[in-house]
Structures are given as C-alpha cells and as structure tokens.
Amino acid sequence: MRFIIQLCISSLAVMVTAWLLPGVEIENGNFVTAVIVAAVLAFLNAVVKPLMILLTIPVTLVSFGLFLIVINAVIILLADAIVDDFRVDGFWNALLFAVILWAVTALFESIQKRDNRA
C-alpha cells in the first residue's frame, strides 16, 4: 500500500513539475504517462543511481555532494529515453526538473503525512 501511495505522490509531482517547466513535456498531459515516468524513475533510482554514485564518489566528495544533483539529472534524461511520451529538452531542463520534482514531492509527502496524523 505504501508503494502505491508513493507512486501516486510521485506521479502528481511529475505532472506538476512538467506543467511548471516549459522544457519538460508529458504528451497530452496524460496521467498514465506520469505514472509510468514515476515508476521508471523509481526503478532507475533503485538500480542505476547507486551504481552511478559508487562510480562518482571522488567527484561527489570534492563537490560536497552537489554532484548528486547532476546524477539525478542524468537519471531523468534516462527516463526521457525510456518513456516515449515524456520529453525533456536538454541537461539544464533535466537539472531544473530534478530540483523542482524533489521540492514538489517533499511538499506532497508532508501534506500526506500531516493528513495521516490527523
């Protein structure tokens, strides 16, 4: 149940972030595509991201962890390559998408946690 709630929150965050950024597009504003993007991002974050972090430890340490944002942008570009109806125009839009997606997801999760306590 927790995974389904997290997937719904991530899907909503993908929709909101794509709506906010002009360089990111979900074809036809389809929520099913947003769910697919969220699932692909979850898979890539679980499988590919740890490998990328392991391979880039020196750069991450030198940048005081800021390189992790670049890794997130690369993960989003990989999701763009995998999901047909999801389009990100370049690295900088992927970087902005990563940051805004993090903020929107954090906002939705805080709302969801607050509603669970009430």
PDB file of N, CA and C in Angstrom:
ATOM      1  N   MET A   1       0.819  -1.195   0.000  1.00  0.00           N
ATOM      2  CA  MET A   1       0.000   0.000   0.000  1.00  0.00           C
ATOM      3  C   MET A   1       0.863   1.260   0.000  1.00  0.00           C
ATOM      4  N   ARG A   2       1.948   1.214   0.760  1.00  0.00           N
ATOM      5  CA  ARG A   2       2.855   2.370   0.844  1.00  0.00           C
ATOM      6  C   ARG A   2       3.447   2.699  -0.526  1.00  0.00           C
ATOM      7  N   PHE A   3       3.790   1.642  -1.298  1.00  0.00           N
ATOM      8  CA  PHE A   3       4.364   1.864  -2.620  1.00  0.00           C
ATOM      9  C   PHE A   3       3.366   2.545  -3.550  1.00  0.00           C
ATOM     10  N   ILE A   4       2.104   2.148  -3.480  1.00  0.00           N
ATOM     11  CA  ILE A   4       1.080   2.739  -4.344  1.00  0.00           C
ATOM     12  C   ILE A   4       0.869   4.207  -3.987  1.00  0.00           C
ATOM     13  N   ILE A   5       0.849   4.520  -2.696  1.00  0.00           N
ATOM     14  CA  ILE A   5       0.710   5.916  -2.266  1.00  0.00           C
ATOM     15  C   ILE A   5       1.903   6.731  -2.744  1.00  0.00           C
ATOM     16  N   GLN A   6       3.106   6.179  -2.585  1.00  0.00           N
ATOM     17  CA  GLN A   6       4.313   6.876  -3.026  1.00  0.00           C
ATOM     18  C   GLN A   6       4.314   7.072  -4.545  1.00  0.00           C
ATOM     19  N   LEU A   7       3.843   6.074  -5.283  1.00  0.00           N
ATOM     20  CA  LEU A   7       3.765   6.183  -6.740  1.00  0.00           C
ATOM     21  C   LEU A   7       2.767   7.263  -7.155  1.00  0.00           C
ATOM     22  N   CYS A   8       1.641   7.350  -6.462  1.00  0.00           N
ATOM     23  CA  CYS A   8       0.656   8.402  -6.762  1.00  0.00           C
ATOM     24  C   CYS A   8       1.219   9.789  -6.462  1.00  0.00           C
ATOM     25  N   ILE A   9       1.914   9.916  -5.344  1.00  0.00           N
ATOM     26  CA  ILE A   9       2.529  11.201  -4.989  1.00  0.00           C
ATOM     27  C   ILE A   9       3.575  11.585  -6.030  1.00  0.00           C
ATOM     28  N   SER A  10       4.398  10.628  -6.419  1.00  0.00           N
ATOM     29  CA  SER A  10       5.432  10.908  -7.422  1.00  0.00           C
ATOM     30  C   SER A  10       4.808  11.250  -8.769  1.00  0.00           C
ATOM     31  N   SER A  11       3.726  10.576  -9.133  1.00  0.00           N
ATOM     32  CA  SER A  11       3.050  10.859 -10.396  1.00  0.00           C
ATOM     33  C   SER A  11       2.481  12.275 -10.411  1.00  0.00           C
ATOM     34  N   LEU A  12       1.852  12.664  -9.303  1.00  0.00           N
ATOM     35  CA  LEU A  12       1.337  14.035  -9.206  1.00  0.00           C
ATOM     36  C   LEU A  12       2.478  15.052  -9.270  1.00  0.00           C
ATOM     37  N   ALA A  13       3.584  14.734  -8.625  1.00  0.00           N
ATOM     38  CA  ALA A  13       4.737  15.630  -8.654  1.00  0.00           C
ATOM     39  C   ALA A  13       5.305  15.748 -10.064  1.00  0.00           C
ATOM     40  N   VAL A  14       5.328  14.658 -10.809  1.00  0.00           N
ATOM     41  CA  VAL A  14       5.803  14.698 -12.194  1.00  0.00           C
ATOM     42  C   VAL A  14       4.874  15.570 -13.028  1.00  0.00           C
ATOM     43  N   MET A  15       3.561  15.418 -12.839  1.00  0.00           N
ATOM     44  CA  MET A  15       2.602  16.239 -13.597  1.00  0.00           C
ATOM     45  C   MET A  15       2.769  17.725 -13.286  1.00  0.00           C
ATOM     46  N   VAL A  16       2.873  18.064 -12.000  1.00  0.00           N
ATOM     47  CA  VAL A  16       3.013  19.469 -11.601  1.00  0.00           C
ATOM     48  C   VAL A  16       4.320  20.045 -12.118  1.00  0.00           C
ATOM     49  N   THR A  17       5.403  19.281 -11.999  1.00  0.00           N
ATOM     50  CA  THR A  17       6.708  19.767 -12.434  1.00  0.00           C
ATOM     51  C   THR A  17       6.739  19.946 -13.943  1.00  0.00           C
ATOM     52  N   ALA A  18       6.151  19.023 -14.691  1.00  0.00           N
ATOM     53  CA  ALA A  18       6.089  19.163 -16.150  1.00  0.00           C
ATOM     54  C   ALA A  18       5.239  20.366 -16.540  1.00  0.00           C
ATOM     55  N   TRP A  19       4.215  20.652 -15.756  1.00  0.00           N
ATOM     56  CA  TRP A  19       3.375  21.810 -16.028  1.00  0.00           C
ATOM     57  C   TRP A  19       4.143  23.115 -15.760  1.00  0.00           C
ATOM     58  N   LEU A  20       5.003  23.116 -14.726  1.00  0.00           N
ATOM     59  CA  LEU A  20       5.753  24.318 -14.361  1.00  0.00           C
ATOM     60  C   LEU A  20       6.897  24.639 -15.323  1.00  0.00           C
ATOM     61  N   LEU A  21       7.550  23.613 -15.841  1.00  0.00           N
ATOM     62  CA  LEU A  21       8.725  23.825 -16.683  1.00  0.00           C
ATOM     63  C   LEU A  21       8.367  23.738 -18.163  1.00  0.00           C
ATOM     64  N   PRO A  22       8.695  24.783 -18.932  1.00  0.00           N
ATOM     65  CA  PRO A  22       8.374  24.739 -20.362  1.00  0.00           C
ATOM     66  C   PRO A  22       9.234  23.742 -21.144  1.00  0.00           C
ATOM     67  N   GLY A  23      10.392  23.354 -20.643  1.00  0.00           N
ATOM     68  CA  GLY A  23      11.266  22.430 -21.359  1.00  0.00           C
ATOM     69  C   GLY A  23      10.987  20.973 -21.079  1.00  0.00           C
ATOM     70  N   VAL A  24       9.963  20.696 -20.282  1.00  0.00           N
ATOM     71  CA  VAL A  24       9.590  19.319 -19.952  1.00  0.00           C
ATOM     72  C   VAL A  24       8.141  19.129 -20.365  1.00  0.00           C
ATOM     73  N   GLU A  25       7.886  18.018 -21.054  1.00  0.00           N
ATOM     74  CA  GLU A  25       6.537  17.818 -21.568  1.00  0.00           C
ATOM     75  C   GLU A  25       6.093  16.372 -21.398  1.00  0.00           C
ATOM     76  N   ILE A  26       4.876  16.229 -20.938  1.00  0.00           N
ATOM     77  CA  ILE A  26       4.193  14.938 -20.955  1.00  0.00           C
ATOM     78  C   ILE A  26       3.144  15.051 -22.043  1.00  0.00           C
ATOM     79  N   GLU A  27       3.297  14.237 -23.084  1.00  0.00           N
ATOM     80  CA  GLU A  27       2.398  14.325 -24.234  1.00  0.00           C
ATOM     81  C   GLU A  27       0.951  14.211 -23.798  1.00  0.00           C
ATOM     82  N   ASN A  28       0.129  15.137 -24.243  1.00  0.00           N
ATOM     83  CA  ASN A  28      -1.309  15.169 -23.980  1.00  0.00           C
ATOM     84  C   ASN A  28      -1.654  15.297 -22.503  1.00  0.00           C
ATOM     85  N   GLY A  29      -0.688  15.609 -21.639  1.00  0.00           N
ATOM     86  CA  GLY A  29      -0.957  15.745 -20.219  1.00  0.00           C
ATOM     87  C   GLY A  29      -1.538  14.489 -19.598  1.00  0.00           C
ATOM     88  N   ASN A  30      -1.136  13.348 -20.097  1.00  0.00           N
ATOM     89  CA  ASN A  30      -1.700  12.061 -19.713  1.00  0.00           C
ATOM     90  C   ASN A  30      -1.185  11.622 -18.342  1.00  0.00           C
ATOM     91  N   PHE A  31      -2.103  11.355 -17.401  1.00  0.00           N
ATOM     92  CA  PHE A  31      -1.701  10.918 -16.058  1.00  0.00           C
ATOM     93  C   PHE A  31      -1.083   9.522 -16.080  1.00  0.00           C
ATOM     94  N   VAL A  32      -1.509   8.681 -17.004  1.00  0.00           N
ATOM     95  CA  VAL A  32      -0.935   7.338 -17.116  1.00  0.00           C
ATOM     96  C   VAL A  32       0.552   7.447 -17.471  1.00  0.00           C
ATOM     97  N   THR A  33       0.887   8.377 -18.348  1.00  0.00           N
ATOM     98  CA  THR A  33       2.293   8.602 -18.688  1.00  0.00           C
ATOM     99  C   THR A  33       3.059   9.080 -17.466  1.00  0.00           C
ATOM    100  N   ALA A  34       2.449   9.916 -16.651  1.00  0.00           N
ATOM    101  CA  ALA A  34       3.103  10.383 -15.427  1.00  0.00           C
ATOM    102  C   ALA A  34       3.348   9.225 -14.466  1.00  0.00           C
ATOM    103  N   VAL A  35       2.413   8.293 -14.391  1.00  0.00           N
ATOM    104  CA  VAL A  35       2.592   7.108 -13.542  1.00  0.00           C
ATOM    105  C   VAL A  35       3.742   6.265 -14.074  1.00  0.00           C
ATOM    106  N   ILE A  36       3.817   6.113 -15.385  1.00  0.00           N
ATOM    107  CA  ILE A  36       4.908   5.347 -15.991  1.00  0.00           C
ATOM    108  C   ILE A  36       6.242   6.032 -15.730  1.00  0.00           C
ATOM    109  N   VAL A  37       6.287   7.351 -15.889  1.00  0.00           N
ATOM    110  CA  VAL A  37       7.521   8.096 -15.618  1.00  0.00           C
ATOM    111  C   VAL A  37       7.932   7.926 -14.161  1.00  0.00           C
ATOM    112  N   ALA A  38       6.974   8.025 -13.255  1.00  0.00           N
ATOM    113  CA  ALA A  38       7.279   7.857 -11.826  1.00  0.00           C
ATOM    114  C   ALA A  38       7.802   6.446 -11.539  1.00  0.00           C
ATOM    115  N   ALA A  39       7.214   5.440 -12.166  1.00  0.00           N
ATOM    116  CA  ALA A  39       7.671   4.066 -11.964  1.00  0.00           C
ATOM    117  C   ALA A  39       9.070   3.853 -12.543  1.00  0.00           C
ATOM    118  N   VAL A  40       9.321   4.418 -13.719  1.00  0.00           N
ATOM    119  CA  VAL A  40      10.652   4.301 -14.332  1.00  0.00           C
ATOM    120  C   VAL A  40      11.686   5.030 -13.477  1.00  0.00           C
ATOM    121  N   LEU A  41      11.341   6.213 -12.980  1.00  0.00           N
ATOM    122  CA  LEU A  41      12.267   6.944 -12.104  1.00  0.00           C
ATOM    123  C   LEU A  41      12.541   6.162 -10.824  1.00  0.00           C
ATOM    124  N   ALA A  42      11.513   5.519 -10.271  1.00  0.00           N
ATOM    125  CA  ALA A  42      11.714   4.708  -9.063  1.00  0.00           C
ATOM    126  C   ALA A  42      12.657   3.539  -9.354  1.00  0.00           C
ATOM    127  N   PHE A  43      12.467   2.888 -10.490  1.00  0.00           N
ATOM    128  CA  PHE A  43      13.339   1.777 -10.862  1.00  0.00           C
ATOM    129  C   PHE A  43      14.779   2.246 -11.084  1.00  0.00           C
ATOM    130  N   LEU A  44      14.936   3.336 -11.836  1.00  0.00           N
ATOM    131  CA  LEU A  44      16.285   3.854 -12.100  1.00  0.00           C
ATOM    132  C   LEU A  44      16.963   4.324 -10.819  1.00  0.00           C
ATOM    133  N   ASN A  45      16.199   4.938  -9.918  1.00  0.00           N
ATOM    134  CA  ASN A  45      16.766   5.373  -8.638  1.00  0.00           C
ATOM    135  C   ASN A  45      17.171   4.188  -7.767  1.00  0.00           C
ATOM    136  N   ALA A  46      16.479   3.069  -7.913  1.00  0.00           N
ATOM    137  CA  ALA A  46      16.802   1.893  -7.112  1.00  0.00           C
ATOM    138  C   ALA A  46      17.958   1.082  -7.686  1.00  0.00           C
ATOM    139  N   VAL A  47      18.098   1.082  -9.011  1.00  0.00           N
ATOM    140  CA  VAL A  47      19.084   0.203  -9.650  1.00  0.00           C
ATOM    141  C   VAL A  47      20.302   0.970 -10.178  1.00  0.00           C
ATOM    142  N   VAL A  48      20.057   1.990 -10.975  1.00  0.00           N
ATOM    143  CA  VAL A  48      21.153   2.681 -11.671  1.00  0.00           C
ATOM    144  C   VAL A  48      21.837   3.715 -10.786  1.00  0.00           C
ATOM    145  N   LYS A  49      21.066   4.449 -10.019  1.00  0.00           N
ATOM    146  CA  LYS A  49      21.628   5.535  -9.220  1.00  0.00           C
ATOM    147  C   LYS A  49      22.699   5.067  -8.229  1.00  0.00           C
ATOM    148  N   PRO A  50      22.489   3.969  -7.498  1.00  0.00           N
ATOM    149  CA  PRO A  50      23.566   3.534  -6.593  1.00  0.00           C
ATOM    150  C   PRO A  50      24.869   3.207  -7.322  1.00  0.00           C
ATOM    151  N   LEU A  51      24.761   2.639  -8.513  1.00  0.00           N
ATOM    152  CA  LEU A  51      25.966   2.357  -9.293  1.00  0.00           C
ATOM    153  C   LEU A  51      26.668   3.644  -9.728  1.00  0.00           C
ATOM    154  N   MET A  52      25.867   4.626 -10.148  1.00  0.00           N
ATOM    155  CA  MET A  52      26.452   5.908 -10.562  1.00  0.00           C
ATOM    156  C   MET A  52      27.103   6.612  -9.373  1.00  0.00           C
ATOM    157  N   ILE A  53      26.478   6.539  -8.227  1.00  0.00           N
ATOM    158  CA  ILE A  53      27.060   7.156  -7.024  1.00  0.00           C
ATOM    159  C   ILE A  53      28.382   6.481  -6.675  1.00  0.00           C
ATOM    160  N   LEU A  54      28.391   5.165  -6.751  1.00  0.00           N
ATOM    161  CA  LEU A  54      29.611   4.422  -6.445  1.00  0.00           C
ATOM    162  C   LEU A  54      30.748   4.784  -7.403  1.00  0.00           C
ATOM    163  N   LEU A  55      30.425   4.942  -8.676  1.00  0.00           N
ATOM    164  CA  LEU A  55      31.447   5.269  -9.672  1.00  0.00           C
ATOM    165  C   LEU A  55      31.934   6.714  -9.587  1.00  0.00           C
ATOM    166  N   THR A  56      31.141   7.581  -8.977  1.00  0.00           N
ATOM    167  CA  THR A  56      31.499   9.005  -8.933  1.00  0.00           C
ATOM    168  C   THR A  56      31.791   9.496  -7.521  1.00  0.00           C
ATOM    169  N   ILE A  57      32.193   8.610  -6.631  1.00  0.00           N
ATOM    170  CA  ILE A  57      32.483   9.006  -5.245  1.00  0.00           C
ATOM    171  C   ILE A  57      33.506  10.141  -5.161  1.00  0.00           C
ATOM    172  N   PRO A  58      34.620  10.073  -5.896  1.00  0.00           N
ATOM    173  CA  PRO A  58      35.592  11.181  -5.774  1.00  0.00           C
ATOM    174  C   PRO A  58      35.010  12.539  -6.164  1.00  0.00           C
ATOM    175  N   VAL A  59      34.277  12.582  -7.269  1.00  0.00           N
ATOM    176  CA  VAL A  59      33.684  13.848  -7.715  1.00  0.00           C
ATOM    177  C   VAL A  59      32.638  14.324  -6.711  1.00  0.00           C
ATOM    178  N   THR A  60      31.865  13.397  -6.178  1.00  0.00           N
ATOM    179  CA  THR A  60      30.843  13.755  -5.195  1.00  0.00           C
ATOM    180  C   THR A  60      31.477  14.312  -3.927  1.00  0.00           C
ATOM    181  N   LEU A  61      32.558  13.715  -3.488  1.00  0.00           N
ATOM    182  CA  LEU A  61      33.237  14.221  -2.288  1.00  0.00           C
ATOM    183  C   LEU A  61      33.834  15.602  -2.518  1.00  0.00           C
ATOM    184  N   VAL A  62      34.471  15.799  -3.660  1.00  0.00           N
ATOM    185  CA  VAL A  62      35.082  17.099  -3.963  1.00  0.00           C
ATOM    186  C   VAL A  62      34.021  18.194  -4.081  1.00  0.00           C
ATOM    187  N   SER A  63      32.849  17.832  -4.609  1.00  0.00           N
ATOM    188  CA  SER A  63      31.785  18.831  -4.781  1.00  0.00           C
ATOM    189  C   SER A  63      30.885  18.933  -3.554  1.00  0.00           C
ATOM    190  N   PHE A  64      31.278  18.279  -2.449  1.00  0.00           N
ATOM    191  CA  PHE A  64      30.484  18.287  -1.220  1.00  0.00           C
ATOM    192  C   PHE A  64      29.067  17.776  -1.444  1.00  0.00           C
ATOM    193  N   GLY A  65      28.919  16.796  -2.323  1.00  0.00           N
ATOM    194  CA  GLY A  65      27.631  16.162  -2.565  1.00  0.00           C
ATOM    195  C   GLY A  65      26.773  16.815  -3.623  1.00  0.00           C
ATOM    196  N   LEU A  66      27.187  17.956  -4.144  1.00  0.00           N
ATOM    197  CA  LEU A  66      26.376  18.635  -5.152  1.00  0.00           C
ATOM    198  C   LEU A  66      26.311  17.863  -6.464  1.00  0.00           C
ATOM    199  N   PHE A  67      27.284  16.988  -6.695  1.00  0.00           N
ATOM    200  CA  PHE A  67      27.263  16.187  -7.922  1.00  0.00           C
ATOM    201  C   PHE A  67      26.077  15.231  -7.945  1.00  0.00           C
ATOM    202  N   LEU A  68      25.483  14.954  -6.794  1.00  0.00           N
ATOM    203  CA  LEU A  68      24.304  14.085  -6.755  1.00  0.00           C
ATOM    204  C   LEU A  68      23.136  14.691  -7.535  1.00  0.00           C
ATOM    205  N   ILE A  69      23.080  16.013  -7.601  1.00  0.00           N
ATOM    206  CA  ILE A  69      22.043  16.669  -8.404  1.00  0.00           C
ATOM    207  C   ILE A  69      22.266  16.371  -9.879  1.00  0.00           C
ATOM    208  N   VAL A  70      23.525  16.346 -10.293  1.00  0.00           N
ATOM    209  CA  VAL A  70      23.851  16.005 -11.681  1.00  0.00           C
ATOM    210  C   VAL A  70      23.452  14.553 -11.963  1.00  0.00           C
ATOM    211  N   ILE A  71      23.697  13.669 -11.018  1.00  0.00           N
ATOM    212  CA  ILE A  71      23.293  12.271 -11.187  1.00  0.00           C
ATOM    213  C   ILE A  71      21.778  12.180 -11.322  1.00  0.00           C
ATOM    214  N   ASN A  72      21.044  12.953 -10.538  1.00  0.00           N
ATOM    215  CA  ASN A  72      19.581  12.981 -10.670  1.00  0.00           C
ATOM    216  C   ASN A  72      19.159  13.453 -12.053  1.00  0.00           C
ATOM    217  N   ALA A  73      19.848  14.451 -12.592  1.00  0.00           N
ATOM    218  CA  ALA A  73      19.533  14.938 -13.937  1.00  0.00           C
ATOM    219  C   ALA A  73      19.794  13.857 -14.986  1.00  0.00           C
ATOM    220  N   VAL A  74      20.861  13.114 -14.825  1.00  0.00           N
ATOM    221  CA  VAL A  74      21.164  12.025 -15.759  1.00  0.00           C
ATOM    222  C   VAL A  74      20.092  10.936 -15.670  1.00  0.00           C
ATOM    223  N   ILE A  75      19.628  10.643 -14.467  1.00  0.00           N
ATOM    224  CA  ILE A  75      18.550   9.662 -14.283  1.00  0.00           C
ATOM    225  C   ILE A  75      17.289  10.131 -15.010  1.00  0.00           C
ATOM    226  N   ILE A  76      16.988  11.410 -14.933  1.00  0.00           N
ATOM    227  CA  ILE A  76      15.807  11.950 -15.620  1.00  0.00           C
ATOM    228  C   ILE A  76      15.980  11.878 -17.131  1.00  0.00           C
ATOM    229  N   LEU A  77      17.187  12.141 -17.621  1.00  0.00           N
ATOM    230  CA  LEU A  77      17.436  12.006 -19.056  1.00  0.00           C
ATOM    231  C   LEU A  77      17.307  10.545 -19.500  1.00  0.00           C
ATOM    232  N   LEU A  78      17.696   9.613 -18.647  1.00  0.00           N
ATOM    233  CA  LEU A  78      17.496   8.189 -18.960  1.00  0.00           C
ATOM    234  C   LEU A  78      16.004   7.857 -19.025  1.00  0.00           C
ATOM    235  N   ALA A  79      15.229   8.415 -18.097  1.00  0.00           N
ATOM    236  CA  ALA A  79      13.780   8.204 -18.126  1.00  0.00           C
ATOM    237  C   ALA A  79      13.177   8.790 -19.397  1.00  0.00           C
ATOM    238  N   ASP A  80      13.712   9.927 -19.845  1.00  0.00           N
ATOM    239  CA  ASP A  80      13.272  10.537 -21.093  1.00  0.00           C
ATOM    240  C   ASP A  80      13.527   9.589 -22.263  1.00  0.00           C
ATOM    241  N   ALA A  81      14.660   8.909 -22.249  1.00  0.00           N
ATOM    242  CA  ALA A  81      14.988   7.975 -23.322  1.00  0.00           C
ATOM    243  C   ALA A  81      14.125   6.716 -23.274  1.00  0.00           C
ATOM    244  N   ILE A  82      13.664   6.336 -22.102  1.00  0.00           N
ATOM    245  CA  ILE A  82      12.891   5.092 -21.951  1.00  0.00           C
ATOM    246  C   ILE A  82      11.407   5.308 -22.236  1.00  0.00           C
ATOM    247  N   VAL A  83      10.826   6.386 -21.718  1.00  0.00           N
ATOM    248  CA  VAL A  83       9.379   6.625 -21.834  1.00  0.00           C
ATOM    249  C   VAL A  83       9.116   7.472 -23.075  1.00  0.00           C
ATOM    250  N   ASP A  84       8.286   6.955 -23.972  1.00  0.00           N
ATOM    251  CA  ASP A  84       8.050   7.616 -25.256  1.00  0.00           C
ATOM    252  C   ASP A  84       7.354   8.968 -25.131  1.00  0.00           C
ATOM    253  N   ASP A  85       6.344   9.076 -24.311  1.00  0.00           N
ATOM    254  CA  ASP A  85       5.540  10.300 -24.239  1.00  0.00           C
ATOM    255  C   ASP A  85       6.062  11.321 -23.237  1.00  0.00           C
ATOM    256  N   PHE A  86       7.278  11.144 -22.773  1.00  0.00           N
ATOM    257  CA  PHE A  86       7.903  12.056 -21.815  1.00  0.00           C
ATOM    258  C   PHE A  86       9.111  12.675 -22.503  1.00  0.00           C
ATOM    259  N   ARG A  87       9.179  14.032 -22.500  1.00  0.00           N
ATOM    260  CA  ARG A  87      10.256  14.710 -23.223  1.00  0.00           C
ATOM    261  C   ARG A  87      10.881  15.775 -22.331  1.00  0.00           C
ATOM    262  N   VAL A  88      12.212  15.756 -22.270  1.00  0.00           N
ATOM    263  CA  VAL A  88      12.976  16.760 -21.541  1.00  0.00           C
ATOM    264  C   VAL A  88      13.961  17.368 -22.531  1.00  0.00           C
ATOM    265  N   ASP A  89      13.940  18.688 -22.662  1.00  0.00           N
ATOM    266  CA  ASP A  89      14.802  19.386 -23.613  1.00  0.00           C
ATOM    267  C   ASP A  89      16.138  19.731 -22.985  1.00  0.00           C
ATOM    268  N   GLY A  90      17.058  18.798 -22.979  1.00  0.00           N
ATOM    269  CA  GLY A  90      18.421  19.092 -22.577  1.00  0.00           C
ATOM    270  C   GLY A  90      18.726  18.892 -21.102  1.00  0.00           C
ATOM    271  N   PHE A  91      20.025  18.999 -20.815  1.00  0.00           N
ATOM    272  CA  PHE A  91      20.530  18.731 -19.475  1.00  0.00           C
ATOM    273  C   PHE A  91      20.031  19.745 -18.453  1.00  0.00           C
ATOM    274  N   TRP A  92      20.019  21.028 -18.802  1.00  0.00           N
ATOM    275  CA  TRP A  92      19.648  22.058 -17.825  1.00  0.00           C
ATOM    276  C   TRP A  92      18.183  21.941 -17.427  1.00  0.00           C
ATOM    277  N   ASN A  93      17.322  21.592 -18.375  1.00  0.00           N
ATOM    278  CA  ASN A  93      15.922  21.356 -18.026  1.00  0.00           C
ATOM    279  C   ASN A  93      15.779  20.115 -17.145  1.00  0.00           C
ATOM    280  N   ALA A  94      16.599  19.095 -17.397  1.00  0.00           N
ATOM    281  CA  ALA A  94      16.580  17.900 -16.543  1.00  0.00           C
ATOM    282  C   ALA A  94      17.053  18.249 -15.134  1.00  0.00           C
ATOM    283  N   LEU A  95      18.058  19.113 -15.038  1.00  0.00           N
ATOM    284  CA  LEU A  95      18.552  19.537 -13.726  1.00  0.00           C
ATOM    285  C   LEU A  95      17.483  20.322 -12.967  1.00  0.00           C
ATOM    286  N   LEU A  96      16.828  21.260 -13.644  1.00  0.00           N
ATOM    287  CA  LEU A  96      15.729  22.004 -13.019  1.00  0.00           C
ATOM    288  C   LEU A  96      14.576  21.074 -12.656  1.00  0.00           C
ATOM    289  N   PHE A  97      14.288  20.135 -13.529  1.00  0.00           N
ATOM    290  CA  PHE A  97      13.225  19.167 -13.262  1.00  0.00           C
ATOM    291  C   PHE A  97      13.542  18.373 -12.006  1.00  0.00           C
ATOM    292  N   ALA A  98      14.793  17.969 -11.848  1.00  0.00           N
ATOM    293  CA  ALA A  98      15.196  17.199 -10.665  1.00  0.00           C
ATOM    294  C   ALA A  98      14.987  17.996  -9.389  1.00  0.00           C
ATOM    295  N   VAL A  99      15.385  19.254  -9.406  1.00  0.00           N
ATOM    296  CA  VAL A  99      15.271  20.084  -8.206  1.00  0.00           C
ATOM    297  C   VAL A  99      13.802  20.369  -7.885  1.00  0.00           C
ATOM    298  N   ILE A 100      13.029  20.746  -8.895  1.00  0.00           N
ATOM    299  CA  ILE A 100      11.622  21.070  -8.663  1.00  0.00           C
ATOM    300  C   ILE A 100      10.837  19.809  -8.293  1.00  0.00           C
ATOM    301  N   LEU A 101      11.161  18.681  -8.930  1.00  0.00           N
ATOM    302  CA  LEU A 101      10.495  17.424  -8.584  1.00  0.00           C
ATOM    303  C   LEU A 101      10.751  17.058  -7.134  1.00  0.00           C
ATOM    304  N   TRP A 102      11.974  17.264  -6.676  1.00  0.00           N
ATOM    305  CA  TRP A 102      12.288  16.996  -5.273  1.00  0.00           C
ATOM    306  C   TRP A 102      11.431  17.872  -4.352  1.00  0.00           C
ATOM    307  N   ALA A 103      11.332  19.160  -4.672  1.00  0.00           N
ATOM    308  CA  ALA A 103      10.581  20.084  -3.819  1.00  0.00           C
ATOM    309  C   ALA A 103       9.082  19.760  -3.823  1.00  0.00           C
ATOM    310  N   VAL A 104       8.527  19.490  -4.993  1.00  0.00           N
ATOM    311  CA  VAL A 104       7.098  19.198  -5.093  1.00  0.00           C
ATOM    312  C   VAL A 104       6.776  17.875  -4.398  1.00  0.00           C
ATOM    313  N   THR A 105       7.628  16.872  -4.576  1.00  0.00           N
ATOM    314  CA  THR A 105       7.418  15.593  -3.897  1.00  0.00           C
ATOM    315  C   THR A 105       7.484  15.766  -2.382  1.00  0.00           C
ATOM    316  N   ALA A 106       8.441  16.547  -1.906  1.00  0.00           N
ATOM    317  CA  ALA A 106       8.554  16.796  -0.466  1.00  0.00           C
ATOM    318  C   ALA A 106       7.298  17.491   0.062  1.00  0.00           C
ATOM    319  N   LEU A 107       6.774  18.437  -0.701  1.00  0.00           N
ATOM    320  CA  LEU A 107       5.548  19.140  -0.303  1.00  0.00           C
ATOM    321  C   LEU A 107       4.369  18.171  -0.223  1.00  0.00           C
ATOM    322  N   PHE A 108       4.186  17.350  -1.259  1.00  0.00           N
ATOM    323  CA  PHE A 108       3.070  16.399  -1.266  1.00  0.00           C
ATOM    324  C   PHE A 108       3.213  15.370  -0.149  1.00  0.00           C
ATOM    325  N   GLU A 109       4.441  14.911   0.113  1.00  0.00           N
ATOM    326  CA  GLU A 109       4.644  13.933   1.185  1.00  0.00           C
ATOM    327  C   GLU A 109       4.367  14.545   2.556  1.00  0.00           C
ATOM    328  N   SER A 110       4.720  15.808   2.740  1.00  0.00           N
ATOM    329  CA  SER A 110       4.430  16.444   4.031  1.00  0.00           C
ATOM    330  C   SER A 110       2.927  16.612   4.229  1.00  0.00           C
ATOM    331  N   ILE A 111       2.208  16.921   3.172  1.00  0.00           N
ATOM    332  CA  ILE A 111       0.747  17.022   3.261  1.00  0.00           C
ATOM    333  C   ILE A 111       0.149  15.658   3.588  1.00  0.00           C
ATOM    334  N   GLN A 112       0.650  14.627   2.928  1.00  0.00           N
ATOM    335  CA  GLN A 112       0.136  13.277   3.156  1.00  0.00           C
ATOM    336  C   GLN A 112       0.429  12.820   4.581  1.00  0.00           C
ATOM    337  N   LYS A 113       1.605  13.097   5.108  1.00  0.00           N
ATOM    338  CA  LYS A 113       1.947  12.707   6.476  1.00  0.00           C
ATOM    339  C   LYS A 113       1.107  13.481   7.490  1.00  0.00           C
ATOM    340  N   ARG A 114       0.866  14.764   7.220  1.00  0.00           N
ATOM    341  CA  ARG A 114       0.052  15.570   8.119  1.00  0.00           C
ATOM    342  C   ARG A 114      -1.383  15.037   8.146  1.00  0.00           C
ATOM    343  N   ASP A 115      -1.904  14.623   6.985  1.00  0.00           N
ATOM    344  CA  ASP A 115      -3.259  14.088   6.950  1.00  0.00           C
ATOM    345  C   ASP A 115      -3.359  12.746   7.664  1.00  0.00           C
ATOM    346  N   ASN A 116      -2.281  11.967   7.657  1.00  0.00           N
ATOM    347  CA  ASN A 116      -2.290  10.682   8.349  1.00  0.00           C
ATOM    348  C   ASN A 116      -2.312  10.855   9.856  1.00  0.00           C
ATOM    349  N   ARG A 117      -1.688  11.921  10.357  1.00  0.00           N
ATOM    350  CA  ARG A 117      -1.671  12.161  11.802  1.00  0.00           C
ATOM    351  C   ARG A 117      -3.006  12.669  12.316  1.00  0.00           C
ATOM    352  N   ALA A 118      -3.738  13.354  11.483  1.00  0.00           N
ATOM    353  CA  ALA A 118      -4.991  13.955  11.937  1.00  0.00           C
ATOM    354  C   ALA A 118      -6.114  12.962  12.086  1.00  0.00           C
TER     355      ALA A 118
END
